[in-house]
C-alpha atoms as a PDB file:
ATOM      1  CA  MET A   1     -55.065  23.765  -5.691  1.00  0.00           C
ATOM      2  CA  ARG A   2     -51.650  23.412  -4.046  1.00  0.00           C
ATOM      3  CA  LYS A   3     -48.530  22.746  -6.046  1.00  0.00           C
ATOM      4  CA  GLY A   4     -45.834  20.371  -4.781  1.00  0.00           C
ATOM      5  CA  PHE A   5     -44.765  16.773  -4.624  1.00  0.00           C
ATOM      6  CA  THR A   6     -46.864  14.012  -3.170  1.00  0.00           C
ATOM      7  CA  LEU A   7     -45.527  11.651  -0.537  1.00  0.00           C
ATOM      8  CA  VAL A   8     -45.375   8.817  -3.093  1.00  0.00           C
ATOM      9  CA  GLU A   9     -43.253  10.884  -5.474  1.00  0.00           C
ATOM     10  CA  ILE A  10     -40.833  11.821  -2.703  1.00  0.00           C
ATOM     11  CA  MET A  11     -40.593   8.182  -1.569  1.00  0.00           C
ATOM     12  CA  ILE A  12     -39.797   7.084  -5.145  1.00  0.00           C
ATOM     13  CA  VAL A  13     -36.975   9.668  -5.386  1.00  0.00           C
ATOM     14  CA  VAL A  14     -35.574   8.569  -2.013  1.00  0.00           C
ATOM     15  CA  ALA A  15     -35.713   4.909  -3.106  1.00  0.00           C
ATOM     16  CA  ILE A  16     -33.832   5.713  -6.335  1.00  0.00           C
ATOM     17  CA  ILE A  17     -31.148   7.625  -4.413  1.00  0.00           C
ATOM     18  CA  ALA A  18     -30.791   4.727  -1.946  1.00  0.00           C
ATOM     19  CA  LEU A  19     -30.445   2.261  -4.821  1.00  0.00           C
ATOM     20  CA  LEU A  20     -27.730   4.355  -6.466  1.00  0.00           C
ATOM     21  CA  ALA A  21     -25.884   4.663  -3.139  1.00  0.00           C
ATOM     22  CA  ALA A  22     -26.101   0.889  -2.606  1.00  0.00           C
ATOM     23  CA  ILE A  23     -24.438   0.378  -5.973  1.00  0.00           C
ATOM     24  CA  ALA A  24     -21.807   3.131  -5.703  1.00  0.00           C
ATOM     25  CA  ILE A  25     -20.490   2.749  -2.134  1.00  0.00           C
ATOM     26  CA  PRO A  26     -19.123  -0.829  -2.451  1.00  0.00           C
ATOM     27  CA  ASN A  27     -17.433   0.136  -5.727  1.00  0.00           C
ATOM     28  CA  LEU A  28     -15.768   3.127  -4.072  1.00  0.00           C
ATOM     29  CA  LEU A  29     -14.502   0.963  -1.193  1.00  0.00           C
ATOM     30  CA  ARG A  30     -13.166  -1.613  -3.646  1.00  0.00           C
ATOM     31  CA  ALA A  31     -11.412   1.138  -5.609  1.00  0.00           C
ATOM     32  CA  ARG A  32      -9.743   2.399  -2.425  1.00  0.00           C
ATOM     33  CA  THR A  33      -8.554  -1.122  -1.552  1.00  0.00           C
ATOM     34  CA  THR A  34      -7.141  -1.596  -5.054  1.00  0.00           C
ATOM     35  CA  ALA A  35      -5.385   1.782  -4.863  1.00  0.00           C
ATOM     36  CA  ASN A  36      -3.826   0.835  -1.498  1.00  0.00           C
ATOM     37  CA  GLU A  37      -2.561  -2.454  -2.947  1.00  0.00           C
ATOM     38  CA  SER A  38      -1.058  -0.700  -5.976  1.00  0.00           C
ATOM     39  CA  ALA A  39       0.615   1.873  -3.718  1.00  0.00           C
ATOM     40  CA  ALA A  40       2.070  -0.923  -1.559  1.00  0.00           C
ATOM     41  CA  GLN A  41       3.561  -2.633  -4.611  1.00  0.00           C
ATOM     42  CA  ALA A  42       4.997   0.665  -5.864  1.00  0.00           C
ATOM     43  CA  THR A  43       6.519   1.412  -2.452  1.00  0.00           C
ATOM     44  CA  LEU A  44       8.180  -2.017  -2.331  1.00  0.00           C
ATOM     45  CA  ARG A  45       9.585  -1.420  -5.817  1.00  0.00           C
ATOM     46  CA  THR A  46      10.914   1.974  -4.697  1.00  0.00           C
ATOM     47  CA  ILE A  47      12.699   0.480  -1.685  1.00  0.00           C
ATOM     48  CA  SER A  48      14.011  -2.426  -3.767  1.00  0.00           C
ATOM     49  CA  THR A  49      15.344  -0.080  -6.446  1.00  0.00           C
ATOM     50  CA  ALA A  50      17.129   1.967  -3.780  1.00  0.00           C
ATOM     51  CA  LEU A  51      18.678  -1.195  -2.315  1.00  0.00           C
ATOM     52  CA  GLU A  52      19.786  -2.485  -5.714  1.00  0.00           C
ATOM     53  CA  THR A  53      21.254   0.911  -6.626  1.00  0.00           C
ATOM     54  CA  TYR A  54      23.106   1.018  -3.287  1.00  0.00           C
ATOM     55  CA  ALA A  55      24.486  -2.488  -3.935  1.00  0.00           C
ATOM     56  CA  ALA A  56      25.609  -1.507  -7.437  1.00  0.00           C
ATOM     57  CA  ALA A  57      27.487   1.464  -5.979  1.00  0.00           C
ATOM     58  CA  SER A  58      28.933  -0.619  -3.106  1.00  0.00           C
ATOM     59  CA  ASN A  59      30.504  -3.572  -4.916  1.00  0.00           C
ATOM     60  CA  GLY A  60      27.430  -5.781  -4.476  1.00  0.00           C
ATOM     61  CA  GLN A  61      27.033  -5.188  -0.734  1.00  0.00           C
ATOM     62  CA  TYR A  62      23.553  -4.363   0.533  1.00  0.00           C
ATOM     63  CA  PRO A  63      23.174  -1.998   3.498  1.00  0.00           C
ATOM     64  CA  SER A  64      22.590  -3.466   6.954  1.00  0.00           C
ATOM     65  CA  ALA A  65      20.181  -0.650   7.889  1.00  0.00           C
ATOM     66  CA  GLU A  66      17.745   1.566   6.024  1.00  0.00           C
ATOM     67  CA  SER A  67      19.492   4.640   7.418  1.00  0.00           C
ATOM     68  CA  ALA A  68      22.376   4.014   4.988  1.00  0.00           C
ATOM     69  CA  LEU A  69      19.966   4.854   2.150  1.00  0.00           C
ATOM     70  CA  LEU A  70      18.851   8.167   3.640  1.00  0.00           C
ATOM     71  CA  ALA A  71      20.494  11.562   3.990  1.00  0.00           C
ATOM     72  CA  PRO A  72      22.933  12.444   5.518  1.00  0.00           C
ATOM     73  CA  ALA A  73      24.483   8.929   5.349  1.00  0.00           C
ATOM     74  CA  ALA A  74      24.006   8.837   1.572  1.00  0.00           C
ATOM     75  CA  ASN A  75      24.710  11.883  -0.551  1.00  0.00           C
ATOM     76  CA  PRO A  76      22.628  11.995  -2.681  1.00  0.00           C
ATOM     77  CA  PRO A  77      20.160   9.816  -0.756  1.00  0.00           C
ATOM     78  CA  PHE A  78      18.805   6.621  -2.323  1.00  0.00           C
ATOM     79  CA  LEU A  79      15.451   7.167  -0.541  1.00  0.00           C
ATOM     80  CA  ASN A  80      13.769  10.458   0.316  1.00  0.00           C
ATOM     81  CA  LYS A  81      12.168   9.121   3.490  1.00  0.00           C
ATOM     82  CA  SER A  82      12.046   6.109   5.765  1.00  0.00           C
ATOM     83  CA  TYR A  83       9.564   3.353   4.895  1.00  0.00           C
ATOM     84  CA  CYS A  84      10.598   0.451   7.131  1.00  0.00           C
ATOM     85  CA  THR A  85       8.258   0.012  10.125  1.00  0.00           C
ATOM     86  CA  GLN A  86       6.080   2.851   8.785  1.00  0.00           C
ATOM     87  CA  THR A  87       2.394   2.699   7.868  1.00  0.00           C
ATOM     88  CA  GLU A  88       1.236   4.369   4.673  1.00  0.00           C
ATOM     89  CA  ASN A  89      -1.938   4.027   2.600  1.00  0.00           C
ATOM     90  CA  GLY A  90      -3.251   1.282   4.862  1.00  0.00           C
ATOM     91  CA  TYR A  91      -0.099  -0.869   4.677  1.00  0.00           C
ATOM     92  CA  THR A  92       2.700  -1.396   7.197  1.00  0.00           C
ATOM     93  CA  TYR A  93       6.148  -2.002   5.729  1.00  0.00           C
ATOM     94  CA  GLY A  94       8.861  -4.223   7.111  1.00  0.00           C
ATOM     95  CA  CYS A  95      12.481  -4.510   6.002  1.00  0.00           C
ATOM     96  CA  ALA A  96      14.867  -7.345   6.788  1.00  0.00           C
ATOM     97  CA  LEU A  97      18.250  -6.132   5.581  1.00  0.00           C
ATOM     98  CA  ASN A  98      21.085  -8.654   5.734  1.00  0.00           C
ATOM     99  CA  THR A  99      24.531  -8.728   4.205  1.00  0.00           C
ATOM    100  CA  PRO A 100      23.639 -11.281   1.519  1.00  0.00           C
ATOM    101  CA  GLY A 101      20.345  -9.607   0.552  1.00  0.00           C
ATOM    102  CA  TYR A 102      17.011  -8.298   1.768  1.00  0.00           C
ATOM    103  CA  THR A 103      13.357  -9.150   2.266  1.00  0.00           C
ATOM    104  CA  LEU A 104      10.697  -6.434   2.208  1.00  0.00           C
ATOM    105  CA  THR A 105       7.107  -6.925   3.333  1.00  0.00           C
ATOM    106  CA  ALA A 106       3.903  -4.935   3.004  1.00  0.00           C
ATOM    107  CA  ARG A 107       0.992  -6.042   5.164  1.00  0.00           C
ATOM    108  CA  PRO A 108      -2.412  -4.348   5.321  1.00  0.00           C
ATOM    109  CA  VAL A 109      -3.419  -2.776   8.612  1.00  0.00           C
ATOM    110  CA  ASN A 110      -6.899  -4.254   8.184  1.00  0.00           C
ATOM    111  CA  CYS A 111      -7.706  -7.089   5.757  1.00  0.00           C
ATOM    112  CA  THR A 112     -11.201  -5.854   4.943  1.00  0.00           C
ATOM    113  CA  THR A 113     -10.776  -2.095   4.512  1.00  0.00           C
ATOM    114  CA  ALA A 114      -7.090  -1.419   3.771  1.00  0.00           C
ATOM    115  CA  GLY A 115      -6.168  -4.270   1.439  1.00  0.00           C
ATOM    116  CA  THR A 116      -6.854  -7.923   0.753  1.00  0.00           C
ATOM    117  CA  LYS A 117      -3.329  -9.059  -0.152  1.00  0.00           C
ATOM    118  CA  SER A 118       0.098  -9.099   1.484  1.00  0.00           C
ATOM    119  CA  PHE A 119       3.258  -8.545  -0.549  1.00  0.00           C
ATOM    120  CA  THR A 120       6.862  -9.694  -0.164  1.00  0.00           C
ATOM    121  CA  MET A 121       9.840  -8.572  -2.230  1.00  0.00           C
ATOM    122  CA  SER A 122      13.218 -10.238  -2.009  1.00  0.00           C
ATOM    123  CA  THR A 123      16.727  -9.668  -3.317  1.00  0.00           C
ATOM    124  CA  GLY A 124      16.749  -8.865  -7.013  1.00  0.00           C
ATOM    125  CA  GLY A 125      13.308  -7.257  -6.932  1.00  0.00           C
ATOM    126  CA  VAL A 126      11.212 -10.441  -6.949  1.00  0.00           C
ATOM    127  CA  LEU A 127       7.657  -9.506  -5.891  1.00  0.00           C
ATOM    128  CA  VAL A 128       5.426 -12.228  -4.451  1.00  0.00           C
ATOM    129  CA  THR A 129       1.734 -11.637  -3.790  1.00  0.00           C
ATOM    130  CA  ASP A 130       0.060 -13.548  -0.977  1.00  0.00           C
ATOM    131  CA  ALA A 131      -3.653 -13.666  -1.763  1.00  0.00           C
ATOM    132  CA  THR A 132      -4.317 -14.769   1.808  1.00  0.00           C
ATOM    133  CA  CYS A 133      -4.322 -11.545   3.768  1.00  0.00           C
ATOM    134  CA  THR A 134      -2.091 -11.357   6.829  1.00  0.00           C
ATOM    135  CA  ALA A 135      -2.762  -8.161   8.720  1.00  0.00           C
ATOM    136  CA  ALA A 136       0.179  -6.244  10.157  1.00  0.00           C
ATOM    137  CA  GLY A 137      -1.173  -6.505  13.675  1.00  0.00           C
ATOM    138  CA  GLY A 138      -1.805 -10.239  13.617  1.00  0.00           C
END
């Protein structure tokens, strides 16, 4: 008599693996989206903190360009790297720097895979979440 698995046993194992994959994959994608959204909020807070620190050191005046926050213009620099107009973790960042204040935006590159929310932060570090996704490209 031969030893081994029957076709029915193998099919049951394959069905169980497929069921587990069907449960796990959407959860992993949702976790990635949530992580991207959290990273976008943290990045906006980082930029806002740098702008507020710059203003505190400059008699309440905000910079007119992000380059004023970076080395060599600032020593020590308020930011370690440029974020404005950059894409990171599925989000594209925008910075509107004016003399009276600033507005920072984080928009997902793709509203289904990168993130489901857009974020805006204004002068004073006020973060607003837009539950209606507006992708960076559109």
